[in-house]
Amino acid sequence: MLKSENETIVIDTKWKRPGNSSASVSDLRQMYTYCRFWDAEKAMLLYPGEIINNDFKEFKTLDFFDTENTPTKVKHQCKMGFVSVLDADGELDEGIGRKVLGLVEDDS
């Protein structure tokens, strides 16, 4: 989880490949829960593979309540990201952290 003074971003690392280029229902539920529990503006499921920069997709939910118990729309952004743990020589990529942050920052 990345937390700055103004924004919380959750990155959930998976070590499986999603079927049919889509996240599983349970993984999608996890993203929703992360946004809800951590009050995160963005959540990304990070899978192994070639870098694919899917755009963040915006979701609005009505299940948050203000102090007067009135439903409030809250905007969350979610995406799937892919990054290889190996560099061009087949060695462990020591710059993987920068690549992951690049996937998060691309849609800021």
N, C-alpha and C. Protein backbone atom coordinates (compact mmCIF):
# COMPACT_ATOMS: atom_id res chain seq x y z
N MET A 1 0.85 -1.16 0.00
CA MET A 1 0.00 0.00 0.00
C MET A 1 0.90 1.23 0.00
N LEU A 2 0.60 2.17 -0.89
CA LEU A 2 1.29 3.45 -0.93
C LEU A 2 0.39 4.48 -0.29
N LYS A 3 0.94 5.26 0.61
CA LYS A 3 0.12 6.28 1.25
C LYS A 3 0.92 7.56 1.29
N SER A 4 0.41 8.57 0.65
CA SER A 4 1.02 9.89 0.73
C SER A 4 0.12 10.76 1.58
N GLU A 5 0.48 12.00 1.70
CA GLU A 5 -0.33 12.91 2.50
C GLU A 5 -1.73 13.07 1.93
N ASN A 6 -1.86 12.95 0.60
CA ASN A 6 -3.13 13.24 -0.05
C ASN A 6 -3.82 12.05 -0.70
N GLU A 7 -3.14 10.91 -0.82
CA GLU A 7 -3.71 9.83 -1.61
C GLU A 7 -3.25 8.47 -1.08
N THR A 8 -4.16 7.50 -1.12
CA THR A 8 -3.84 6.13 -0.77
C THR A 8 -4.03 5.27 -2.01
N ILE A 9 -3.01 4.47 -2.33
CA ILE A 9 -3.06 3.56 -3.48
C ILE A 9 -2.70 2.17 -2.98
N VAL A 10 -3.53 1.18 -3.30
CA VAL A 10 -3.27 -0.19 -2.89
C VAL A 10 -2.84 -0.99 -4.12
N ILE A 11 -1.72 -1.72 -3.99
CA ILE A 11 -1.24 -2.61 -5.04
C ILE A 11 -1.25 -4.02 -4.47
N ASP A 12 -2.07 -4.88 -5.05
CA ASP A 12 -2.18 -6.28 -4.62
C ASP A 12 -1.43 -7.14 -5.62
N THR A 13 -0.31 -7.70 -5.20
CA THR A 13 0.53 -8.51 -6.08
C THR A 13 0.00 -9.93 -6.14
N LYS A 14 -0.23 -10.41 -7.35
CA LYS A 14 -0.69 -11.78 -7.58
C LYS A 14 0.43 -12.56 -8.25
N TRP A 15 0.54 -13.83 -7.95
CA TRP A 15 1.54 -14.67 -8.60
C TRP A 15 0.87 -15.73 -9.45
N LYS A 16 -0.24 -15.35 -10.02
CA LYS A 16 -0.97 -16.21 -10.95
C LYS A 16 -1.34 -15.35 -12.14
N ARG A 17 -1.62 -15.96 -13.26
CA ARG A 17 -2.07 -15.21 -14.43
C ARG A 17 -3.59 -15.23 -14.45
N PRO A 18 -4.21 -14.09 -14.72
CA PRO A 18 -5.68 -14.07 -14.79
C PRO A 18 -6.17 -14.84 -16.01
N GLY A 19 -7.28 -15.52 -15.86
CA GLY A 19 -7.85 -16.26 -16.98
C GLY A 19 -8.57 -15.33 -17.94
N ASN A 20 -8.44 -15.58 -19.21
CA ASN A 20 -9.13 -14.80 -20.25
C ASN A 20 -8.89 -13.30 -20.12
N SER A 21 -7.69 -12.90 -19.67
CA SER A 21 -7.31 -11.49 -19.54
C SER A 21 -8.26 -10.70 -18.63
N SER A 22 -8.89 -11.37 -17.69
CA SER A 22 -9.79 -10.70 -16.77
C SER A 22 -9.51 -11.18 -15.35
N ALA A 23 -9.63 -10.29 -14.42
CA ALA A 23 -9.43 -10.66 -13.02
C ALA A 23 -10.58 -11.54 -12.55
N SER A 24 -10.28 -12.39 -11.59
CA SER A 24 -11.33 -13.24 -11.03
C SER A 24 -12.29 -12.39 -10.19
N VAL A 25 -13.47 -12.92 -9.97
CA VAL A 25 -14.46 -12.22 -9.16
C VAL A 25 -13.90 -11.97 -7.75
N SER A 26 -13.21 -12.94 -7.19
CA SER A 26 -12.67 -12.75 -5.84
C SER A 26 -11.59 -11.66 -5.82
N ASP A 27 -10.77 -11.56 -6.87
CA ASP A 27 -9.77 -10.50 -6.94
C ASP A 27 -10.44 -9.13 -7.08
N LEU A 28 -11.51 -9.05 -7.86
CA LEU A 28 -12.24 -7.79 -8.01
C LEU A 28 -12.87 -7.38 -6.68
N ARG A 29 -13.37 -8.35 -5.95
CA ARG A 29 -13.95 -8.06 -4.63
C ARG A 29 -12.88 -7.55 -3.67
N GLN A 30 -11.67 -8.11 -3.80
CA GLN A 30 -10.57 -7.64 -2.96
C GLN A 30 -10.27 -6.16 -3.25
N MET A 31 -10.23 -5.79 -4.53
CA MET A 31 -9.97 -4.39 -4.87
C MET A 31 -11.02 -3.48 -4.26
N TYR A 32 -12.28 -3.89 -4.35
CA TYR A 32 -13.37 -3.10 -3.78
C TYR A 32 -13.16 -2.94 -2.27
N THR A 33 -12.82 -4.05 -1.62
CA THR A 33 -12.62 -4.02 -0.18
C THR A 33 -11.45 -3.13 0.20
N TYR A 34 -10.36 -3.18 -0.57
CA TYR A 34 -9.20 -2.32 -0.29
C TYR A 34 -9.61 -0.85 -0.37
N CYS A 35 -10.34 -0.50 -1.41
CA CYS A 35 -10.77 0.89 -1.55
C CYS A 35 -11.66 1.30 -0.38
N ARG A 36 -12.50 0.42 0.01
CA ARG A 36 -13.45 0.68 1.09
C ARG A 36 -12.74 0.77 2.45
N PHE A 37 -11.94 -0.25 2.77
CA PHE A 37 -11.31 -0.34 4.08
C PHE A 37 -10.22 0.71 4.27
N TRP A 38 -9.36 0.89 3.26
CA TRP A 38 -8.24 1.81 3.36
C TRP A 38 -8.60 3.21 2.84
N ASP A 39 -9.85 3.39 2.38
CA ASP A 39 -10.27 4.65 1.78
C ASP A 39 -9.31 5.05 0.67
N ALA A 40 -8.95 4.06 -0.16
CA ALA A 40 -7.98 4.26 -1.23
C ALA A 40 -8.66 4.85 -2.47
N GLU A 41 -7.97 5.78 -3.08
CA GLU A 41 -8.46 6.37 -4.31
C GLU A 41 -8.23 5.43 -5.50
N LYS A 42 -7.14 4.64 -5.43
CA LYS A 42 -6.78 3.73 -6.51
C LYS A 42 -6.41 2.37 -5.94
N ALA A 43 -6.71 1.33 -6.71
CA ALA A 43 -6.28 -0.03 -6.37
C ALA A 43 -5.85 -0.70 -7.67
N MET A 44 -4.75 -1.45 -7.60
CA MET A 44 -4.26 -2.15 -8.78
C MET A 44 -3.96 -3.60 -8.42
N LEU A 45 -4.45 -4.51 -9.24
CA LEU A 45 -4.06 -5.91 -9.15
C LEU A 45 -2.85 -6.06 -10.06
N LEU A 46 -1.72 -6.49 -9.52
CA LEU A 46 -0.48 -6.59 -10.27
C LEU A 46 -0.15 -8.05 -10.53
N TYR A 47 -0.10 -8.41 -11.81
CA TYR A 47 0.13 -9.78 -12.24
C TYR A 47 1.49 -9.91 -12.92
N PRO A 48 2.08 -11.11 -12.92
CA PRO A 48 3.32 -11.31 -13.66
C PRO A 48 3.03 -11.37 -15.16
N GLY A 49 3.97 -10.85 -15.95
CA GLY A 49 3.82 -10.92 -17.40
C GLY A 49 4.43 -9.70 -18.05
N GLU A 50 4.27 -9.60 -19.34
CA GLU A 50 4.78 -8.45 -20.06
C GLU A 50 4.02 -7.21 -19.64
N ILE A 51 4.72 -6.09 -19.61
CA ILE A 51 4.10 -4.84 -19.16
C ILE A 51 2.94 -4.48 -20.06
N ILE A 52 1.79 -4.38 -19.46
CA ILE A 52 0.58 -3.90 -20.13
C ILE A 52 0.05 -2.80 -19.24
N ASN A 53 -0.09 -1.63 -19.78
CA ASN A 53 -0.58 -0.53 -18.96
C ASN A 53 -2.05 -0.32 -19.21
N ASN A 54 -2.86 -1.11 -18.57
CA ASN A 54 -4.30 -0.88 -18.63
C ASN A 54 -4.59 0.43 -17.92
N ASP A 55 -5.54 1.17 -18.41
CA ASP A 55 -5.91 2.42 -17.77
C ASP A 55 -6.72 2.15 -16.51
N PHE A 56 -6.62 3.08 -15.57
CA PHE A 56 -7.49 3.00 -14.41
C PHE A 56 -8.92 3.23 -14.87
N LYS A 57 -9.84 2.48 -14.34
CA LYS A 57 -11.25 2.65 -14.64
C LYS A 57 -11.92 3.20 -13.38
N GLU A 58 -12.77 4.15 -13.57
CA GLU A 58 -13.40 4.83 -12.45
C GLU A 58 -14.72 4.15 -12.09
N PHE A 59 -14.93 3.91 -10.81
CA PHE A 59 -16.15 3.30 -10.33
C PHE A 59 -16.74 4.20 -9.26
N LYS A 60 -18.02 4.38 -9.28
CA LYS A 60 -18.68 5.17 -8.25
C LYS A 60 -19.61 4.25 -7.47
N THR A 61 -19.52 4.32 -6.17
CA THR A 61 -20.35 3.47 -5.33
C THR A 61 -21.27 4.35 -4.49
N LEU A 62 -22.40 3.80 -4.14
CA LEU A 62 -23.38 4.53 -3.32
C LEU A 62 -23.50 3.96 -1.92
N ASP A 63 -22.55 3.15 -1.53
CA ASP A 63 -22.70 2.48 -0.25
C ASP A 63 -21.88 3.11 0.87
N PHE A 64 -21.42 4.32 0.67
CA PHE A 64 -20.76 5.06 1.73
C PHE A 64 -21.79 6.02 2.31
N PHE A 65 -21.73 6.24 3.59
CA PHE A 65 -22.71 7.10 4.23
C PHE A 65 -22.00 8.23 4.96
N ASP A 66 -22.57 9.42 4.86
CA ASP A 66 -22.00 10.56 5.58
C ASP A 66 -22.49 10.55 7.02
N THR A 67 -22.18 11.61 7.74
CA THR A 67 -22.53 11.67 9.16
C THR A 67 -24.03 11.71 9.41
N GLU A 68 -24.80 12.06 8.37
CA GLU A 68 -26.26 12.09 8.50
C GLU A 68 -26.90 10.82 7.95
N ASN A 69 -26.08 9.79 7.73
CA ASN A 69 -26.54 8.50 7.23
C ASN A 69 -27.17 8.60 5.84
N THR A 70 -26.65 9.51 5.02
CA THR A 70 -27.11 9.70 3.65
C THR A 70 -26.10 9.03 2.71
N PRO A 71 -26.58 8.22 1.75
CA PRO A 71 -25.64 7.60 0.80
C PRO A 71 -24.85 8.67 0.04
N THR A 72 -23.57 8.43 -0.11
CA THR A 72 -22.68 9.37 -0.77
C THR A 72 -21.93 8.65 -1.88
N LYS A 73 -21.86 9.26 -3.07
CA LYS A 73 -21.07 8.68 -4.15
C LYS A 73 -19.59 8.90 -3.86
N VAL A 74 -18.81 7.85 -4.00
CA VAL A 74 -17.38 7.93 -3.81
C VAL A 74 -16.72 7.38 -5.05
N LYS A 75 -15.71 8.08 -5.54
CA LYS A 75 -15.01 7.65 -6.75
C LYS A 75 -13.79 6.81 -6.38
N HIS A 76 -13.68 5.64 -6.97
CA HIS A 76 -12.51 4.78 -6.83
C HIS A 76 -12.01 4.47 -8.23
N GLN A 77 -10.69 4.30 -8.36
CA GLN A 77 -10.12 3.90 -9.63
C GLN A 77 -9.40 2.58 -9.45
N CYS A 78 -9.68 1.63 -10.37
CA CYS A 78 -9.08 0.30 -10.29
C CYS A 78 -8.49 -0.08 -11.63
N LYS A 79 -7.46 -0.90 -11.59
CA LYS A 79 -6.87 -1.40 -12.83
C LYS A 79 -6.13 -2.71 -12.57
N MET A 80 -5.86 -3.40 -13.68
CA MET A 80 -4.98 -4.56 -13.67
C MET A 80 -3.67 -4.10 -14.29
N GLY A 81 -2.55 -4.47 -13.69
CA GLY A 81 -1.25 -4.15 -14.25
C GLY A 81 -0.45 -5.43 -14.40
N PHE A 82 0.47 -5.41 -15.35
CA PHE A 82 1.32 -6.57 -15.60
C PHE A 82 2.76 -6.11 -15.67
N VAL A 83 3.67 -6.86 -15.04
CA VAL A 83 5.08 -6.53 -15.09
C VAL A 83 5.89 -7.82 -14.97
N SER A 84 6.98 -7.89 -15.72
CA SER A 84 7.87 -9.05 -15.66
C SER A 84 8.87 -8.87 -14.53
N VAL A 85 9.15 -9.94 -13.81
CA VAL A 85 10.15 -9.86 -12.75
C VAL A 85 11.56 -10.06 -13.28
N LEU A 86 11.67 -10.41 -14.56
CA LEU A 86 12.97 -10.63 -15.18
C LEU A 86 13.31 -9.52 -16.16
N ASP A 87 14.61 -9.20 -16.25
CA ASP A 87 15.04 -8.19 -17.22
C ASP A 87 15.32 -8.85 -18.57
N ALA A 88 15.84 -8.11 -19.52
CA ALA A 88 16.08 -8.61 -20.88
C ALA A 88 17.08 -9.77 -20.91
N ASP A 89 17.96 -9.87 -19.90
CA ASP A 89 18.94 -10.94 -19.82
C ASP A 89 18.44 -12.16 -19.05
N GLY A 90 17.18 -12.14 -18.62
CA GLY A 90 16.62 -13.25 -17.86
C GLY A 90 17.00 -13.23 -16.39
N GLU A 91 17.57 -12.14 -15.93
CA GLU A 91 17.95 -11.99 -14.53
C GLU A 91 16.84 -11.24 -13.79
N LEU A 92 16.86 -11.33 -12.47
CA LEU A 92 15.89 -10.61 -11.66
C LEU A 92 16.02 -9.12 -11.96
N ASP A 93 14.93 -8.48 -12.31
CA ASP A 93 14.92 -7.06 -12.68
C ASP A 93 15.02 -6.19 -11.43
N GLU A 94 16.17 -5.55 -11.26
CA GLU A 94 16.38 -4.72 -10.08
C GLU A 94 15.61 -3.40 -10.16
N GLY A 95 15.07 -3.07 -11.33
CA GLY A 95 14.31 -1.84 -11.48
C GLY A 95 12.80 -2.06 -11.47
N ILE A 96 12.39 -3.22 -10.97
CA ILE A 96 10.96 -3.55 -11.02
C ILE A 96 10.11 -2.57 -10.21
N GLY A 97 10.64 -2.06 -9.12
CA GLY A 97 9.89 -1.10 -8.31
C GLY A 97 9.52 0.14 -9.10
N ARG A 98 10.47 0.66 -9.88
CA ARG A 98 10.19 1.84 -10.71
C ARG A 98 9.14 1.53 -11.77
N LYS A 99 9.18 0.32 -12.31
CA LYS A 99 8.19 -0.06 -13.32
C LYS A 99 6.79 -0.12 -12.71
N VAL A 100 6.69 -0.69 -11.52
CA VAL A 100 5.39 -0.78 -10.85
C VAL A 100 4.85 0.62 -10.54
N LEU A 101 5.71 1.48 -10.00
CA LEU A 101 5.28 2.85 -9.73
C LEU A 101 4.88 3.57 -11.01
N GLY A 102 5.55 3.27 -12.11
CA GLY A 102 5.18 3.86 -13.39
C GLY A 102 3.78 3.45 -13.81
N LEU A 103 3.40 2.20 -13.53
CA LEU A 103 2.04 1.75 -13.85
C LEU A 103 1.01 2.51 -13.03
N VAL A 104 1.34 2.82 -11.79
CA VAL A 104 0.42 3.56 -10.92
C VAL A 104 0.33 5.01 -11.34
N GLU A 105 1.47 5.60 -11.67
CA GLU A 105 1.52 7.03 -11.96
C GLU A 105 1.03 7.39 -13.34
N ASP A 106 0.99 6.44 -14.28
CA ASP A 106 0.57 6.73 -15.65
C ASP A 106 -0.80 7.36 -15.75
N ASP A 107 -1.67 7.04 -14.84
CA ASP A 107 -3.05 7.54 -14.92
C ASP A 107 -3.37 8.53 -13.81
N SER A 108 -2.36 9.06 -13.17
CA SER A 108 -2.61 9.96 -12.02
C SER A 108 -3.35 11.20 -12.44
